[in-house]
């Protein structure tokens, strides 16, 4: 009798896990797609004018093309531009990038970073 209860409990737990996975995995996929959409919209409005819609333009003729930058380096650069408020007064491209990223909320920032990494990074 104990064996049957143990088997029933395992079966019930497996069914619960299966149902949860059927709900969680599609939702997380949808959430990532939503992040990419938000990031793509922001990129088109704020970034594509200088970097090109395909990431193959040197902003101001001096920056590296996005498609030449690794995902990790994109992460580090965008975090620096977003967090270092002194860059806004430094002049040049760093000031422009700092101003473009500093007024994004955390979700917008993360969405743009994800979009740029997935679409343009040299090591995508």
PDB file of N, CA and C in Angstrom:
ATOM      1  N   UNK A   1       0.821  -1.200   0.000  1.00  0.00           N
ATOM      2  CA  UNK A   1       0.000   0.000   0.000  1.00  0.00           C
ATOM      3  C   UNK A   1       0.862   1.260   0.000  1.00  0.00           C
ATOM      4  N   UNK A   2       1.952   1.242   0.746  1.00  0.00           N
ATOM      5  CA  UNK A   2       2.847   2.380   0.793  1.00  0.00           C
ATOM      6  C   UNK A   2       3.444   2.632  -0.580  1.00  0.00           C
ATOM      7  N   UNK A   3       3.788   1.587  -1.273  1.00  0.00           N
ATOM      8  CA  UNK A   3       4.358   1.705  -2.606  1.00  0.00           C
ATOM      9  C   UNK A   3       3.374   2.378  -3.546  1.00  0.00           C
ATOM     10  N   UNK A   4       2.114   2.022  -3.485  1.00  0.00           N
ATOM     11  CA  UNK A   4       1.104   2.618  -4.358  1.00  0.00           C
ATOM     12  C   UNK A   4       0.942   4.108  -4.063  1.00  0.00           C
ATOM     13  N   UNK A   5       0.959   4.486  -2.792  1.00  0.00           N
ATOM     14  CA  UNK A   5       0.842   5.900  -2.446  1.00  0.00           C
ATOM     15  C   UNK A   5       2.044   6.678  -2.961  1.00  0.00           C
ATOM     16  N   UNK A   6       3.242   6.080  -2.824  1.00  0.00           N
ATOM     17  CA  UNK A   6       4.463   6.717  -3.313  1.00  0.00           C
ATOM     18  C   UNK A   6       4.424   6.902  -4.820  1.00  0.00           C
ATOM     19  N   UNK A   7       3.952   5.883  -5.514  1.00  0.00           N
ATOM     20  CA  UNK A   7       3.849   5.963  -6.977  1.00  0.00           C
ATOM     21  C   UNK A   7       2.808   6.999  -7.369  1.00  0.00           C
ATOM     22  N   UNK A   8       1.679   7.035  -6.668  1.00  0.00           N
ATOM     23  CA  UNK A   8       0.641   8.031  -6.968  1.00  0.00           C
ATOM     24  C   UNK A   8       1.158   9.446  -6.744  1.00  0.00           C
ATOM     25  N   UNK A   9       1.877   9.642  -5.656  1.00  0.00           N
ATOM     26  CA  UNK A   9       2.416  10.973  -5.361  1.00  0.00           C
ATOM     27  C   UNK A   9       3.423  11.401  -6.421  1.00  0.00           C
ATOM     28  N   UNK A  10       4.285  10.467  -6.832  1.00  0.00           N
ATOM     29  CA  UNK A  10       5.266  10.775  -7.874  1.00  0.00           C
ATOM     30  C   UNK A  10       4.562  11.123  -9.181  1.00  0.00           C
ATOM     31  N   UNK A  11       3.523  10.365  -9.503  1.00  0.00           N
ATOM     32  CA  UNK A  11       2.767  10.628 -10.736  1.00  0.00           C
ATOM     33  C   UNK A  11       2.115  11.997 -10.683  1.00  0.00           C
ATOM     34  N   UNK A  12       1.527  12.330  -9.554  1.00  0.00           N
ATOM     35  CA  UNK A  12       0.878  13.639  -9.400  1.00  0.00           C
ATOM     36  C   UNK A  12       1.915  14.756  -9.490  1.00  0.00           C
ATOM     37  N   UNK A  13       3.048  14.573  -8.806  1.00  0.00           N
ATOM     38  CA  UNK A  13       4.099  15.593  -8.857  1.00  0.00           C
ATOM     39  C   UNK A  13       4.640  15.768 -10.275  1.00  0.00           C
ATOM     40  N   UNK A  14       4.835  14.684 -10.983  1.00  0.00           N
ATOM     41  CA  UNK A  14       5.308  14.773 -12.370  1.00  0.00           C
ATOM     42  C   UNK A  14       4.301  15.502 -13.250  1.00  0.00           C
ATOM     43  N   UNK A  15       3.028  15.259 -13.032  1.00  0.00           N
ATOM     44  CA  UNK A  15       1.993  15.952 -13.811  1.00  0.00           C
ATOM     45  C   UNK A  15       2.002  17.450 -13.507  1.00  0.00           C
ATOM     46  N   UNK A  16       2.157  17.786 -12.225  1.00  0.00           N
ATOM     47  CA  UNK A  16       2.207  19.202 -11.844  1.00  0.00           C
ATOM     48  C   UNK A  16       3.417  19.877 -12.465  1.00  0.00           C
ATOM     49  N   UNK A  17       4.568  19.204 -12.402  1.00  0.00           N
ATOM     50  CA  UNK A  17       5.785  19.766 -13.007  1.00  0.00           C
ATOM     51  C   UNK A  17       5.603  19.941 -14.504  1.00  0.00           C
ATOM     52  N   UNK A  18       5.032  18.949 -15.155  1.00  0.00           N
ATOM     53  CA  UNK A  18       4.807  19.019 -16.600  1.00  0.00           C
ATOM     54  C   UNK A  18       3.891  20.196 -16.958  1.00  0.00           C
ATOM     55  N   UNK A  19       2.808  20.357 -16.216  1.00  0.00           N
ATOM     56  CA  UNK A  19       1.876  21.465 -16.478  1.00  0.00           C
ATOM     57  C   UNK A  19       2.572  22.803 -16.265  1.00  0.00           C
ATOM     58  N   UNK A  20       3.335  22.912 -15.184  1.00  0.00           N
ATOM     59  CA  UNK A  20       4.052  24.163 -14.922  1.00  0.00           C
ATOM     60  C   UNK A  20       5.030  24.475 -16.048  1.00  0.00           C
ATOM     61  N   UNK A  21       5.746  23.471 -16.518  1.00  0.00           N
ATOM     62  CA  UNK A  21       6.703  23.695 -17.605  1.00  0.00           C
ATOM     63  C   UNK A  21       5.994  24.099 -18.894  1.00  0.00           C
ATOM     64  N   UNK A  22       4.838  23.531 -19.132  1.00  0.00           N
ATOM     65  CA  UNK A  22       4.077  23.892 -20.335  1.00  0.00           C
ATOM     66  C   UNK A  22       3.605  25.343 -20.283  1.00  0.00           C
ATOM     67  N   UNK A  23       3.452  25.868 -19.092  1.00  0.00           N
ATOM     68  CA  UNK A  23       3.029  27.262 -18.940  1.00  0.00           C
ATOM     69  C   UNK A  23       4.230  28.194 -18.890  1.00  0.00           C
ATOM     70  N   UNK A  24       5.248  27.835 -18.116  1.00  0.00           N
ATOM     71  CA  UNK A  24       6.395  28.712 -17.884  1.00  0.00           C
ATOM     72  C   UNK A  24       7.244  28.900 -19.128  1.00  0.00           C
ATOM     73  N   UNK A  25       7.565  27.841 -19.831  1.00  0.00           N
ATOM     74  CA  UNK A  25       8.455  27.954 -20.990  1.00  0.00           C
ATOM     75  C   UNK A  25       7.859  28.843 -22.076  1.00  0.00           C
ATOM     76  N   UNK A  26       6.605  28.642 -22.480  1.00  0.00           N
ATOM     77  CA  UNK A  26       6.057  29.567 -23.489  1.00  0.00           C
ATOM     78  C   UNK A  26       5.977  31.004 -22.995  1.00  0.00           C
ATOM     79  N   UNK A  27       5.675  31.204 -21.723  1.00  0.00           N
ATOM     80  CA  UNK A  27       5.599  32.566 -21.185  1.00  0.00           C
ATOM     81  C   UNK A  27       6.959  33.233 -21.196  1.00  0.00           C
ATOM     82  N   UNK A  28       8.020  32.499 -20.847  1.00  0.00           N
ATOM     83  CA  UNK A  28       9.338  33.112 -20.844  1.00  0.00           C
ATOM     84  C   UNK A  28       9.782  33.414 -22.267  1.00  0.00           C
ATOM     85  N   UNK A  29       9.388  32.577 -23.210  1.00  0.00           N
ATOM     86  CA  UNK A  29       9.702  32.835 -24.613  1.00  0.00           C
ATOM     87  C   UNK A  29       8.969  34.087 -25.081  1.00  0.00           C
ATOM     88  N   UNK A  30       7.718  34.218 -24.698  1.00  0.00           N
ATOM     89  CA  UNK A  30       6.939  35.404 -25.050  1.00  0.00           C
ATOM     90  C   UNK A  30       7.543  36.646 -24.420  1.00  0.00           C
ATOM     91  N   UNK A  31       7.993  36.529 -23.164  1.00  0.00           N
ATOM     92  CA  UNK A  31       8.598  37.675 -22.476  1.00  0.00           C
ATOM     93  C   UNK A  31       9.867  38.113 -23.189  1.00  0.00           C
ATOM     94  N   UNK A  32      10.670  37.154 -23.649  1.00  0.00           N
ATOM     95  CA  UNK A  32      11.906  37.515 -24.354  1.00  0.00           C
ATOM     96  C   UNK A  32      11.573  38.187 -25.682  1.00  0.00           C
ATOM     97  N   UNK A  33      10.549  37.692 -26.380  1.00  0.00           N
ATOM     98  CA  UNK A  33      10.140  38.327 -27.632  1.00  0.00           C
ATOM     99  C   UNK A  33       9.668  39.752 -27.378  1.00  0.00           C
ATOM    100  N   UNK A  34       8.945  39.959 -26.287  1.00  0.00           N
ATOM    101  CA  UNK A  34       8.475  41.305 -25.944  1.00  0.00           C
ATOM    102  C   UNK A  34       9.656  42.217 -25.659  1.00  0.00           C
ATOM    103  N   UNK A  35      10.667  41.706 -24.945  1.00  0.00           N
ATOM    104  CA  UNK A  35      11.875  42.486 -24.662  1.00  0.00           C
ATOM    105  C   UNK A  35      12.562  42.894 -25.959  1.00  0.00           C
ATOM    106  N   UNK A  36      12.649  41.942 -26.897  1.00  0.00           N
ATOM    107  CA  UNK A  36      13.290  42.235 -28.179  1.00  0.00           C
ATOM    108  C   UNK A  36      12.502  43.301 -28.939  1.00  0.00           C
ATOM    109  N   UNK A  37      11.160  43.229 -28.883  1.00  0.00           N
ATOM    110  CA  UNK A  37      10.338  44.230 -29.573  1.00  0.00           C
ATOM    111  C   UNK A  37      10.551  45.617 -28.989  1.00  0.00           C
ATOM    112  N   UNK A  38      10.559  45.711 -27.664  1.00  0.00           N
ATOM    113  CA  UNK A  38      10.793  46.996 -27.010  1.00  0.00           C
ATOM    114  C   UNK A  38      12.187  47.502 -27.372  1.00  0.00           C
ATOM    115  N   UNK A  39      13.172  46.628 -27.272  1.00  0.00           N
ATOM    116  CA  UNK A  39      14.544  46.999 -27.603  1.00  0.00           C
ATOM    117  C   UNK A  39      14.686  47.428 -29.050  1.00  0.00           C
ATOM    118  N   UNK A  40      14.011  46.724 -29.941  1.00  0.00           N
ATOM    119  CA  UNK A  40      14.055  47.069 -31.365  1.00  0.00           C
ATOM    120  C   UNK A  40      13.437  48.424 -31.648  1.00  0.00           C
ATOM    121  N   UNK A  41      12.335  48.715 -30.983  1.00  0.00           N
ATOM    122  CA  UNK A  41      11.688  50.013 -31.173  1.00  0.00           C
ATOM    123  C   UNK A  41      12.580  51.143 -30.680  1.00  0.00           C
ATOM    124  N   UNK A  42      13.166  50.954 -29.521  1.00  0.00           N
ATOM    125  CA  UNK A  42      14.054  51.987 -28.977  1.00  0.00           C
ATOM    126  C   UNK A  42      15.277  52.142 -29.868  1.00  0.00           C
ATOM    127  N   UNK A  43      15.841  51.017 -30.334  1.00  0.00           N
ATOM    128  CA  UNK A  43      17.008  51.091 -31.209  1.00  0.00           C
ATOM    129  C   UNK A  43      16.679  51.898 -32.463  1.00  0.00           C
ATOM    130  N   UNK A  44      15.541  51.641 -33.060  1.00  0.00           N
ATOM    131  CA  UNK A  44      15.163  52.355 -34.292  1.00  0.00           C
ATOM    132  C   UNK A  44      15.011  53.850 -34.039  1.00  0.00           C
ATOM    133  N   UNK A  45      14.474  54.216 -32.881  1.00  0.00           N
ATOM    134  CA  UNK A  45      14.259  55.632 -32.569  1.00  0.00           C
ATOM    135  C   UNK A  45      15.543  56.354 -32.167  1.00  0.00           C
ATOM    136  N   UNK A  46      16.381  55.688 -31.364  1.00  0.00           N
ATOM    137  CA  UNK A  46      17.518  56.383 -30.751  1.00  0.00           C
ATOM    138  C   UNK A  46      18.882  56.035 -31.315  1.00  0.00           C
ATOM    139  N   UNK A  47      18.999  54.869 -31.915  1.00  0.00           N
ATOM    140  CA  UNK A  47      20.343  54.365 -32.243  1.00  0.00           C
ATOM    141  C   UNK A  47      20.593  54.240 -33.748  1.00  0.00           C
ATOM    142  N   UNK A  48      19.563  53.836 -34.481  1.00  0.00           N
ATOM    143  CA  UNK A  48      19.750  53.532 -35.904  1.00  0.00           C
ATOM    144  C   UNK A  48      20.199  54.749 -36.706  1.00  0.00           C
ATOM    145  N   UNK A  49      19.846  55.943 -36.268  1.00  0.00           N
ATOM    146  CA  UNK A  49      20.251  57.153 -36.983  1.00  0.00           C
ATOM    147  C   UNK A  49      21.762  57.298 -37.075  1.00  0.00           C
ATOM    148  N   UNK A  50      22.469  56.854 -36.059  1.00  0.00           N
ATOM    149  CA  UNK A  50      23.936  56.936 -36.064  1.00  0.00           C
ATOM    150  C   UNK A  50      24.602  55.605 -36.417  1.00  0.00           C
ATOM    151  N   UNK A  51      24.026  54.490 -35.940  1.00  0.00           N
ATOM    152  CA  UNK A  51      24.662  53.185 -36.128  1.00  0.00           C
ATOM    153  C   UNK A  51      24.123  52.419 -37.339  1.00  0.00           C
ATOM    154  N   UNK A  52      23.077  52.948 -37.971  1.00  0.00           N
ATOM    155  CA  UNK A  52      22.458  52.251 -39.092  1.00  0.00           C
ATOM    156  C   UNK A  52      21.508  51.178 -38.600  1.00  0.00           C
ATOM    157  N   UNK A  53      20.479  50.896 -39.381  1.00  0.00           N
ATOM    158  CA  UNK A  53      19.483  49.912 -38.949  1.00  0.00           C
ATOM    159  C   UNK A  53      20.055  48.504 -38.882  1.00  0.00           C
ATOM    160  N   UNK A  54      21.197  48.291 -39.543  1.00  0.00           N
ATOM    161  CA  UNK A  54      21.829  46.974 -39.535  1.00  0.00           C
ATOM    162  C   UNK A  54      23.096  46.930 -38.695  1.00  0.00           C
ATOM    163  N   UNK A  55      23.407  48.018 -37.977  1.00  0.00           N
ATOM    164  CA  UNK A  55      24.580  48.063 -37.113  1.00  0.00           C
ATOM    165  C   UNK A  55      25.909  48.110 -37.848  1.00  0.00           C
ATOM    166  N   UNK A  56      25.879  48.467 -39.136  1.00  0.00           N
ATOM    167  CA  UNK A  56      27.100  48.436 -39.950  1.00  0.00           C
ATOM    168  C   UNK A  56      27.653  49.821 -40.263  1.00  0.00           C
ATOM    169  N   UNK A  57      27.149  50.834 -39.561  1.00  0.00           N
ATOM    170  CA  UNK A  57      27.603  52.204 -39.808  1.00  0.00           C
ATOM    171  C   UNK A  57      28.472  52.661 -38.642  1.00  0.00           C
ATOM    172  N   UNK A  58      29.555  53.346 -38.947  1.00  0.00           N
ATOM    173  CA  UNK A  58      30.386  53.950 -37.908  1.00  0.00           C
ATOM    174  C   UNK A  58      29.721  55.259 -37.495  1.00  0.00           C
ATOM    175  N   UNK A  59      29.258  55.327 -36.261  1.00  0.00           N
ATOM    176  CA  UNK A  59      28.625  56.556 -35.784  1.00  0.00           C
ATOM    177  C   UNK A  59      29.623  57.697 -35.856  1.00  0.00           C
ATOM    178  N   UNK A  60      29.206  58.806 -36.413  1.00  0.00           N
ATOM    179  CA  UNK A  60      30.036  60.000 -36.587  1.00  0.00           C
ATOM    180  C   UNK A  60      31.316  59.707 -37.369  1.00  0.00           C
ATOM    181  N   UNK A  61      31.318  58.580 -38.064  1.00  0.00           N
ATOM    182  CA  UNK A  61      32.482  58.206 -38.852  1.00  0.00           C
ATOM    183  C   UNK A  61      33.694  57.791 -38.030  1.00  0.00           C
ATOM    184  N   UNK A  62      33.525  57.664 -36.713  1.00  0.00           N
ATOM    185  CA  UNK A  62      34.678  57.330 -35.868  1.00  0.00           C
ATOM    186  C   UNK A  62      34.476  56.103 -34.985  1.00  0.00           C
ATOM    187  N   UNK A  63      33.236  55.788 -34.652  1.00  0.00           N
ATOM    188  CA  UNK A  63      33.037  54.642 -33.758  1.00  0.00           C
ATOM    189  C   UNK A  63      33.224  53.339 -34.523  1.00  0.00           C
ATOM    190  N   UNK A  64      33.369  52.264 -33.772  1.00  0.00           N
ATOM    191  CA  UNK A  64      33.394  50.963 -34.426  1.00  0.00           C
ATOM    192  C   UNK A  64      31.970  50.581 -34.805  1.00  0.00           C
ATOM    193  N   UNK A  65      31.834  49.773 -35.818  1.00  0.00           N
ATOM    194  CA  UNK A  65      30.516  49.276 -36.207  1.00  0.00           C
ATOM    195  C   UNK A  65      30.032  48.313 -35.135  1.00  0.00           C
ATOM    196  N   UNK A  66      28.736  48.319 -34.863  1.00  0.00           N
ATOM    197  CA  UNK A  66      28.191  47.420 -33.848  1.00  0.00           C
ATOM    198  C   UNK A  66      28.485  45.962 -34.180  1.00  0.00           C
ATOM    199  N   UNK A  67      28.471  45.639 -35.460  1.00  0.00           N
ATOM    200  CA  UNK A  67      28.699  44.253 -35.874  1.00  0.00           C
ATOM    201  C   UNK A  67      30.141  43.804 -35.643  1.00  0.00           C
ATOM    202  N   UNK A  68      31.018  44.717 -35.243  1.00  0.00           N
ATOM    203  CA  UNK A  68      32.415  44.383 -34.954  1.00  0.00           C
ATOM    204  C   UNK A  68      32.680  44.247 -33.457  1.00  0.00           C
ATOM    205  N   UNK A  69      31.666  44.458 -32.638  1.00  0.00           N
ATOM    206  CA  UNK A  69      31.833  44.472 -31.184  1.00  0.00           C
ATOM    207  C   UNK A  69      31.224  43.203 -30.583  1.00  0.00           C
ATOM    208  N   UNK A  70      31.947  42.578 -29.676  1.00  0.00           N
ATOM    209  CA  UNK A  70      31.449  41.357 -29.040  1.00  0.00           C
ATOM    210  C   UNK A  70      30.277  41.678 -28.103  1.00  0.00           C
ATOM    211  N   UNK A  71      29.516  40.668 -27.793  1.00  0.00           N
ATOM    212  CA  UNK A  71      28.379  40.809 -26.897  1.00  0.00           C
ATOM    213  C   UNK A  71      28.819  41.312 -25.521  1.00  0.00           C
ATOM    214  N   UNK A  72      29.901  40.764 -24.998  1.00  0.00           N
ATOM    215  CA  UNK A  72      30.401  41.174 -23.676  1.00  0.00           C
ATOM    216  C   UNK A  72      30.859  42.630 -23.691  1.00  0.00           C
ATOM    217  N   UNK A  73      31.539  43.038 -24.768  1.00  0.00           N
ATOM    218  CA  UNK A  73      31.998  44.425 -24.855  1.00  0.00           C
ATOM    219  C   UNK A  73      30.811  45.385 -24.988  1.00  0.00           C
ATOM    220  N   UNK A  74      29.785  44.985 -25.740  1.00  0.00           N
ATOM    221  CA  UNK A  74      28.575  45.816 -25.839  1.00  0.00           C
ATOM    222  C   UNK A  74      27.973  46.021 -24.463  1.00  0.00           C
ATOM    223  N   UNK A  75      27.892  44.940 -23.709  1.00  0.00           N
ATOM    224  CA  UNK A  75      27.358  45.005 -22.355  1.00  0.00           C
ATOM    225  C   UNK A  75      28.150  46.000 -21.517  1.00  0.00           C
ATOM    226  N   UNK A  76      29.466  45.860 -21.514  1.00  0.00           N
ATOM    227  CA  UNK A  76      30.320  46.736 -20.695  1.00  0.00           C
ATOM    228  C   UNK A  76      30.202  48.193 -21.123  1.00  0.00           C
ATOM    229  N   UNK A  77      30.222  48.439 -22.431  1.00  0.00           N
ATOM    230  CA  UNK A  77      30.157  49.823 -22.926  1.00  0.00           C
ATOM    231  C   UNK A  77      28.825  50.482 -22.599  1.00  0.00           C
ATOM    232  N   UNK A  78      27.725  49.752 -22.847  1.00  0.00           N
ATOM    233  CA  UNK A  78      26.414  50.343 -22.585  1.00  0.00           C
ATOM    234  C   UNK A  78      26.206  50.599 -21.100  1.00  0.00           C
ATOM    235  N   UNK A  79      26.676  49.699 -20.271  1.00  0.00           N
ATOM    236  CA  UNK A  79      26.564  49.928 -18.817  1.00  0.00           C
ATOM    237  C   UNK A  79      27.371  51.165 -18.424  1.00  0.00           C
ATOM    238  N   UNK A  80      28.560  51.310 -18.973  1.00  0.00           N
ATOM    239  CA  UNK A  80      29.379  52.488 -18.677  1.00  0.00           C
ATOM    240  C   UNK A  80      28.679  53.768 -19.139  1.00  0.00           C
ATOM    241  N   UNK A  81      28.195  53.770 -20.371  1.00  0.00           N
ATOM    242  CA  UNK A  81      27.513  54.967 -20.890  1.00  0.00           C
ATOM    243  C   UNK A  81      26.283  55.297 -20.051  1.00  0.00           C
ATOM    244  N   UNK A  82      25.577  54.277 -19.613  1.00  0.00           N
ATOM    245  CA  UNK A  82      24.347  54.466 -18.851  1.00  0.00           C
ATOM    246  C   UNK A  82      24.610  54.925 -17.426  1.00  0.00           C
ATOM    247  N   UNK A  83      25.681  54.459 -16.815  1.00  0.00           N
ATOM    248  CA  UNK A  83      25.885  54.709 -15.388  1.00  0.00           C
ATOM    249  C   UNK A  83      26.821  55.875 -15.071  1.00  0.00           C
ATOM    250  N   UNK A  84      27.736  56.216 -15.966  1.00  0.00           N
ATOM    251  CA  UNK A  84      28.717  57.265 -15.675  1.00  0.00           C
ATOM    252  C   UNK A  84      28.182  58.621 -16.146  1.00  0.00           C
ATOM    253  N   UNK A  85      27.587  59.343 -15.239  1.00  0.00           N
ATOM    254  CA  UNK A  85      26.978  60.638 -15.575  1.00  0.00           C
ATOM    255  C   UNK A  85      28.017  61.685 -15.979  1.00  0.00           C
ATOM    256  N   UNK A  86      29.271  61.493 -15.600  1.00  0.00           N
ATOM    257  CA  UNK A  86      30.329  62.427 -15.991  1.00  0.00           C
ATOM    258  C   UNK A  86      30.568  62.417 -17.498  1.00  0.00           C
ATOM    259  N   UNK A  87      30.241  61.310 -18.132  1.00  0.00           N
ATOM    260  CA  UNK A  87      30.431  61.225 -19.582  1.00  0.00           C
ATOM    261  C   UNK A  87      29.537  62.208 -20.339  1.00  0.00           C
ATOM    262  N   UNK A  88      28.404  62.563 -19.750  1.00  0.00           N
ATOM    263  CA  UNK A  88      27.485  63.483 -20.421  1.00  0.00           C
ATOM    264  C   UNK A  88      28.126  64.836 -20.679  1.00  0.00           C
ATOM    265  N   UNK A  89      29.072  65.201 -19.864  1.00  0.00           N
ATOM    266  CA  UNK A  89      29.738  66.494 -20.005  1.00  0.00           C
ATOM    267  C   UNK A  89      31.121  66.377 -20.634  1.00  0.00           C
ATOM    268  N   UNK A  90      31.475  65.180 -21.071  1.00  0.00           N
ATOM    269  CA  UNK A  90      32.829  64.958 -21.574  1.00  0.00           C
ATOM    270  C   UNK A  90      33.012  65.397 -23.025  1.00  0.00           C
ATOM    271  N   UNK A  91      31.932  65.572 -23.739  1.00  0.00           N
ATOM    272  CA  UNK A  91      32.024  65.925 -25.151  1.00  0.00           C
ATOM    273  C   UNK A  91      32.229  64.681 -25.997  1.00  0.00           C
ATOM    274  N   UNK A  92      32.079  64.842 -27.273  1.00  0.00           N
ATOM    275  CA  UNK A  92      32.314  63.746 -28.203  1.00  0.00           C
ATOM    276  C   UNK A  92      31.244  62.670 -28.181  1.00  0.00           C
ATOM    277  N   UNK A  93      31.612  61.539 -28.747  1.00  0.00           N
ATOM    278  CA  UNK A  93      30.673  60.426 -28.895  1.00  0.00           C
ATOM    279  C   UNK A  93      30.254  59.867 -27.542  1.00  0.00           C
ATOM    280  N   UNK A  94      31.178  59.836 -26.575  1.00  0.00           N
ATOM    281  CA  UNK A  94      30.831  59.323 -25.249  1.00  0.00           C
ATOM    282  C   UNK A  94      29.700  60.131 -24.624  1.00  0.00           C
ATOM    283  N   UNK A  95      29.716  61.441 -24.805  1.00  0.00           N
ATOM    284  CA  UNK A  95      28.655  62.289 -24.268  1.00  0.00           C
ATOM    285  C   UNK A  95      27.332  61.988 -24.949  1.00  0.00           C
ATOM    286  N   UNK A  96      27.361  61.801 -26.252  1.00  0.00           N
ATOM    287  CA  UNK A  96      26.132  61.485 -26.996  1.00  0.00           C
ATOM    288  C   UNK A  96      25.558  60.161 -26.519  1.00  0.00           C
ATOM    289  N   UNK A  97      26.426  59.148 -26.416  1.00  0.00           N
ATOM    290  CA  UNK A  97      25.961  57.830 -25.978  1.00  0.00           C
ATOM    291  C   UNK A  97      25.442  57.874 -24.549  1.00  0.00           C
ATOM    292  N   UNK A  98      26.101  58.614 -23.691  1.00  0.00           N
ATOM    293  CA  UNK A  98      25.650  58.724 -22.314  1.00  0.00           C
ATOM    294  C   UNK A  98      24.269  59.364 -22.243  1.00  0.00           C
ATOM    295  N   UNK A  99      24.064  60.407 -23.019  1.00  0.00           N
ATOM    296  CA  UNK A  99      22.755  61.070 -23.034  1.00  0.00           C
ATOM    297  C   UNK A  99      21.676  60.160 -23.621  1.00  0.00           C
ATOM    298  N   UNK A 100      22.031  59.358 -24.609  1.00  0.00           N
ATOM    299  CA  UNK A 100      21.059  58.457 -25.231  1.00  0.00           C
ATOM    300  C   UNK A 100      20.636  57.325 -24.291  1.00  0.00           C
ATOM    301  N   UNK A 101      21.535  56.894 -23.430  1.00  0.00           N
ATOM    302  CA  UNK A 101      21.227  55.745 -22.568  1.00  0.00           C
ATOM    303  C   UNK A 101      20.802  56.117 -21.155  1.00  0.00           C
ATOM    304  N   UNK A 102      21.198  57.281 -20.680  1.00  0.00           N
ATOM    305  CA  UNK A 102      20.990  57.602 -19.265  1.00  0.00           C
ATOM    306  C   UNK A 102      19.530  57.804 -18.887  1.00  0.00           C
ATOM    307  N   UNK A 103      18.686  58.169 -19.827  1.00  0.00           N
ATOM    308  CA  UNK A 103      17.285  58.393 -19.456  1.00  0.00           C
ATOM    309  C   UNK A 103      16.391  57.192 -19.779  1.00  0.00           C
ATOM    310  N   UNK A 104      16.999  56.047 -20.035  1.00  0.00           N
ATOM    311  CA  UNK A 104      16.216  54.816 -20.193  1.00  0.00           C
ATOM    312  C   UNK A 104      15.967  54.207 -18.820  1.00  0.00           C
ATOM    313  N   UNK A 105      14.759  53.685 -18.601  1.00  0.00           N
ATOM    314  CA  UNK A 105      14.556  52.956 -17.351  1.00  0.00           C
ATOM    315  C   UNK A 105      15.225  51.588 -17.488  1.00  0.00           C
ATOM    316  N   UNK A 106      15.284  50.835 -16.408  1.00  0.00           N
ATOM    317  CA  UNK A 106      16.043  49.571 -16.408  1.00  0.00           C
ATOM    318  C   UNK A 106      15.505  48.579 -17.428  1.00  0.00           C
ATOM    319  N   UNK A 107      14.191  48.474 -17.564  1.00  0.00           N
ATOM    320  CA  UNK A 107      13.615  47.542 -18.540  1.00  0.00           C
ATOM    321  C   UNK A 107      13.977  47.962 -19.968  1.00  0.00           C
ATOM    322  N   UNK A 108      13.872  49.243 -20.261  1.00  0.00           N
ATOM    323  CA  UNK A 108      14.222  49.725 -21.594  1.00  0.00           C
ATOM    324  C   UNK A 108      15.700  49.479 -21.888  1.00  0.00           C
ATOM    325  N   UNK A 109      16.541  49.784 -20.919  1.00  0.00           N
ATOM    326  CA  UNK A 109      17.978  49.580 -21.081  1.00  0.00           C
ATOM    327  C   UNK A 109      18.278  48.110 -21.370  1.00  0.00           C
ATOM    328  N   UNK A 110      17.727  47.217 -20.545  1.00  0.00           N
ATOM    329  CA  UNK A 110      17.958  45.788 -20.734  1.00  0.00           C
ATOM    330  C   UNK A 110      17.421  45.306 -22.080  1.00  0.00           C
ATOM    331  N   UNK A 111      16.294  45.853 -22.505  1.00  0.00           N
ATOM    332  CA  UNK A 111      15.702  45.461 -23.787  1.00  0.00           C
ATOM    333  C   UNK A 111      16.581  45.879 -24.957  1.00  0.00           C
ATOM    334  N   UNK A 112      17.113  47.090 -24.906  1.00  0.00           N
ATOM    335  CA  UNK A 112      18.003  47.558 -25.971  1.00  0.00           C
ATOM    336  C   UNK A 112      19.277  46.725 -25.986  1.00  0.00           C
ATOM    337  N   UNK A 113      19.836  46.483 -24.818  1.00  0.00           N
ATOM    338  CA  UNK A 113      21.054  45.678 -24.735  1.00  0.00           C
ATOM    339  C   UNK A 113      20.819  44.295 -25.331  1.00  0.00           C
ATOM    340  N   UNK A 114      19.733  43.653 -24.968  1.00  0.00           N
ATOM    341  CA  UNK A 114      19.402  42.332 -25.507  1.00  0.00           C
ATOM    342  C   UNK A 114      19.240  42.392 -27.022  1.00  0.00           C
ATOM    343  N   UNK A 115      18.520  43.387 -27.499  1.00  0.00           N
ATOM    344  CA  UNK A 115      18.286  43.531 -28.941  1.00  0.00           C
ATOM    345  C   UNK A 115      19.602  43.706 -29.699  1.00  0.00           C
ATOM    346  N   UNK A 116      20.446  44.582 -29.206  1.00  0.00           N
ATOM    347  CA  UNK A 116      21.719  44.861 -29.884  1.00  0.00           C
ATOM    348  C   UNK A 116      22.614  43.623 -29.856  1.00  0.00           C
ATOM    349  N   UNK A 117      22.679  42.957 -28.717  1.00  0.00           N
ATOM    350  CA  UNK A 117      23.514  41.767 -28.611  1.00  0.00           C
ATOM    351  C   UNK A 117      23.036  40.662 -29.553  1.00  0.00           C
ATOM    352  N   UNK A 118      21.736  40.447 -29.599  1.00  0.00           N
ATOM    353  CA  UNK A 118      21.208  39.356 -30.412  1.00  0.00           C
ATOM    354  C   UNK A 118      21.207  39.645 -31.901  1.00  0.00           C
ATOM    355  N   UNK A 119      21.194  40.905 -32.259  1.00  0.00           N
ATOM    356  CA  UNK A 119      21.096  41.241 -33.680  1.00  0.00           C
ATOM    357  C   UNK A 119      22.395  41.696 -34.320  1.00  0.00           C
ATOM    358  N   UNK A 120      23.322  42.237 -33.529  1.00  0.00           N
ATOM    359  CA  UNK A 120      24.498  42.851 -34.128  1.00  0.00           C
ATOM    360  C   UNK A 120      25.837  42.351 -33.606  1.00  0.00           C
ATOM    361  N   UNK A 121      25.888  41.781 -32.433  1.00  0.00           N
ATOM    362  CA  UNK A 121      27.181  41.421 -31.824  1.00  0.00           C
ATOM    363  C   UNK A 121      28.005  40.527 -32.755  1.00  0.00           C
ATOM    364  N   UNK A 122      29.292  40.786 -32.771  1.00  0.00           N
ATOM    365  CA  UNK A 122      30.209  40.032 -33.638  1.00  0.00           C
ATOM    366  C   UNK A 122      30.184  38.540 -33.315  1.00  0.00           C
ATOM    367  N   UNK A 123      29.894  38.201 -32.062  1.00  0.00           N
ATOM    368  CA  UNK A 123      29.891  36.802 -31.642  1.00  0.00           C
ATOM    369  C   UNK A 123      28.496  36.240 -31.403  1.00  0.00           C
ATOM    370  N   UNK A 124      27.485  36.859 -32.025  1.00  0.00           N
ATOM    371  CA  UNK A 124      26.102  36.405 -31.782  1.00  0.00           C
ATOM    372  C   UNK A 124      25.863  35.000 -32.242  1.00  0.00           C
TER     373      UNK A 124
END
